[in-house]
Amino acid sequence: MTNKLEIRKAVAADVDLLYRWTNDELVRKHSFSSDIIPYESHCEWYQKKINDENSLFFIVEENKSPAGLVRFDIDNGSATIGVSIDKNFRGKGLGNKIISLGVHTYFSENDFPILAAIKNENIASIKSFEKAGFSFFKNDVINGVESVVYQLIKNDE
């Protein structure tokens, strides 16, 4: 059976799902801010994000089950992508597919290049972004952490 991936805009009712994902141990480990996020802070942040015209927030579902998220924050002529995969869907090769679906949706309405900042140690994420067509852009230090930034330009798609 082939797995059908679909993408939809995140809605207010997704707040608890995203809270669970954001505080997942692996997500916190690979985040540039590894502290657990308090529920109240998450709810305030989430409400702002889903109503911000410079933030595009999508849920990707596999066979109607939420499998991950893709978020784009547009600022200064580029968009920074954030991706998270539900722990029950990891290790299935969905990373690059979720990224590609998000990118396709983003580029259907936007032209700004997409940047992905990734901790050097997060090899799985780096490979997923490379498979999704991103290219190495630069080395960086983010919140004191050695990182790489990958880029995808609309013409590259």
Protein backbone atom coordinates (compact mmCIF):
# COMPACT_ATOMS: atom_id res chain seq x y z
CA MET A 1 0.00 0.00 0.00
CA THR A 2 1.38 3.38 -0.90
CA ASN A 3 1.30 6.02 1.73
CA LYS A 4 -0.67 9.07 0.74
CA LEU A 5 0.73 12.33 2.05
CA GLU A 6 -1.49 15.40 2.16
CA ILE A 7 -0.76 18.89 3.40
CA ARG A 8 -3.12 21.32 5.07
CA LYS A 9 -2.89 24.65 6.86
CA ALA A 10 -2.49 24.37 10.60
CA VAL A 11 -5.56 25.56 12.52
CA ALA A 12 -6.24 26.64 16.10
CA ALA A 13 -7.44 23.13 17.00
CA ASP A 14 -3.92 21.77 16.27
CA VAL A 15 -2.47 23.58 19.31
CA ASP A 16 -2.23 20.46 21.53
CA LEU A 17 -0.83 18.27 18.75
CA LEU A 18 1.89 20.85 18.09
CA TYR A 19 2.56 21.20 21.82
CA ARG A 20 3.17 17.44 22.04
CA TRP A 21 5.45 17.54 19.00
CA THR A 22 7.40 20.59 20.10
CA ASN A 23 8.25 19.07 23.48
CA ASP A 24 9.23 15.68 22.07
CA GLU A 25 12.68 14.72 23.39
CA LEU A 26 14.32 14.43 19.96
CA VAL A 27 12.74 17.67 18.72
CA ARG A 28 14.08 19.56 21.76
CA LYS A 29 17.52 17.95 21.27
CA HIS A 30 17.77 19.16 17.66
CA SER A 31 16.21 22.57 18.32
CA PHE A 32 18.38 25.65 18.78
CA SER A 33 16.59 26.22 22.08
CA SER A 34 16.42 22.88 23.86
CA ASP A 35 14.38 23.92 26.91
CA ILE A 36 10.92 22.39 27.37
CA ILE A 37 8.25 24.87 26.26
CA PRO A 38 5.59 25.68 28.88
CA TYR A 39 2.02 25.11 27.64
CA GLU A 40 0.89 28.71 28.18
CA SER A 41 3.88 30.10 26.23
CA HIS A 42 3.25 27.60 23.45
CA CYS A 43 -0.42 28.59 23.17
CA GLU A 44 0.43 32.31 22.94
CA TRP A 45 3.20 31.67 20.40
CA TYR A 46 1.04 29.32 18.32
CA GLN A 47 -1.89 31.75 18.19
CA LYS A 48 0.45 34.48 16.91
CA LYS A 49 2.06 32.17 14.33
CA ILE A 50 -1.13 30.88 12.73
CA ASN A 51 -2.41 34.46 12.42
CA ASP A 52 0.88 35.93 11.13
CA GLU A 53 0.83 36.53 7.37
CA ASN A 54 4.63 36.04 7.31
CA SER A 55 4.36 32.60 8.88
CA LEU A 56 3.03 29.66 6.89
CA PHE A 57 2.24 26.68 9.09
CA PHE A 58 1.27 23.32 7.60
CA ILE A 59 0.41 19.88 8.95
CA VAL A 60 1.34 16.92 6.77
CA GLU A 61 -0.83 13.85 7.14
CA GLU A 62 -0.12 10.30 6.05
CA ASN A 63 -3.32 8.39 5.34
CA LYS A 64 -5.26 11.06 7.29
CA SER A 65 -3.02 10.78 10.41
CA PRO A 66 -0.91 13.81 11.39
CA ALA A 67 2.70 12.84 10.59
CA GLY A 68 4.58 16.11 10.82
CA LEU A 69 4.71 19.83 10.37
CA VAL A 70 6.40 22.25 8.01
CA ARG A 71 6.63 25.92 8.90
CA PHE A 72 7.98 28.85 6.90
CA ASP A 73 8.84 32.16 8.54
CA ILE A 74 9.31 34.87 5.93
CA ASP A 75 11.68 37.71 6.84
CA ASN A 76 14.15 39.94 4.97
CA GLY A 77 13.63 38.37 1.55
CA SER A 78 13.89 34.71 2.53
CA ALA A 79 11.92 32.07 4.39
CA THR A 80 13.31 29.92 7.16
CA ILE A 81 11.87 26.41 7.17
CA GLY A 82 11.15 24.37 10.27
CA VAL A 83 10.22 20.71 10.11
CA SER A 84 9.17 18.19 12.72
CA ILE A 85 8.06 14.59 12.34
CA ASP A 86 5.82 12.74 14.80
CA LYS A 87 7.86 10.09 16.62
CA ASN A 88 5.54 7.35 15.28
CA PHE A 89 6.44 8.32 11.70
CA ARG A 90 10.22 8.63 12.05
CA GLY A 91 12.60 6.23 10.33
CA LYS A 92 10.23 5.66 7.42
CA GLY A 93 11.96 7.94 4.93
CA LEU A 94 9.25 10.59 5.18
CA GLY A 95 11.55 13.52 6.03
CA ASN A 96 12.44 14.54 2.49
CA LYS A 97 8.88 13.84 1.28
CA ILE A 98 7.39 16.09 3.97
CA ILE A 99 9.96 18.79 3.17
CA SER A 100 9.29 18.50 -0.58
CA LEU A 101 5.52 18.72 -0.10
CA GLY A 102 5.95 21.79 2.10
CA VAL A 103 8.35 23.42 -0.37
CA HIS A 104 6.01 22.78 -3.29
CA THR A 105 3.13 24.35 -1.35
CA TYR A 106 5.29 27.32 -0.30
CA PHE A 107 6.61 27.99 -3.83
CA SER A 108 3.08 27.86 -5.28
CA GLU A 109 2.50 31.26 -3.62
CA ASN A 110 5.97 32.62 -2.76
CA ASP A 111 9.24 33.32 -4.55
CA PHE A 112 11.66 33.99 -1.69
CA PRO A 113 14.47 31.43 -1.26
CA ILE A 114 14.11 28.97 1.61
CA LEU A 115 16.82 28.58 4.25
CA ALA A 116 17.19 25.58 6.56
CA ALA A 117 19.42 25.99 9.63
CA ILE A 118 20.50 22.60 10.98
CA LYS A 119 22.78 21.57 13.82
CA ASN A 120 25.92 19.86 12.44
CA GLU A 121 25.15 16.72 14.48
CA ASN A 122 21.67 16.31 12.95
CA ILE A 123 22.80 14.12 10.04
CA ALA A 124 19.32 12.70 9.35
CA SER A 125 17.93 16.19 8.85
CA ILE A 126 20.83 17.26 6.64
CA LYS A 127 20.29 14.18 4.44
CA SER A 128 16.53 14.82 4.24
CA PHE A 129 17.08 18.42 3.10
CA GLU A 130 19.68 17.32 0.53
CA LYS A 131 17.27 14.68 -0.82
CA ALA A 132 14.59 17.37 -1.05
CA GLY A 133 16.88 19.44 -3.32
CA PHE A 134 18.47 21.85 -0.84
CA SER A 135 22.12 22.82 -1.33
CA PHE A 136 24.76 23.76 1.22
CA PHE A 137 24.77 27.56 1.65
CA LYS A 138 27.07 28.31 4.59
CA ASN A 139 28.40 27.30 7.98
CA ASP A 140 26.98 29.26 10.89
CA VAL A 141 26.90 29.43 14.67
CA ILE A 142 23.35 29.70 16.00
CA ASN A 143 22.79 30.19 19.75
CA GLY A 144 26.39 29.08 20.24
CA VAL A 145 25.89 25.86 18.24
CA GLU A 146 27.92 24.89 15.16
CA SER A 147 25.42 24.64 12.33
CA VAL A 148 24.97 24.50 8.60
CA VAL A 149 22.52 26.48 6.53
CA TYR A 150 21.05 24.89 3.41
CA GLN A 151 19.17 26.81 0.74
CA LEU A 152 16.61 26.16 -1.95
CA ILE A 153 15.81 28.71 -4.63
CA LYS A 154 12.54 28.47 -6.59
CA ASN A 155 14.36 28.02 -9.92
CA ASP A 156 16.15 24.99 -8.48
CA GLU A 157 12.92 23.10 -7.95
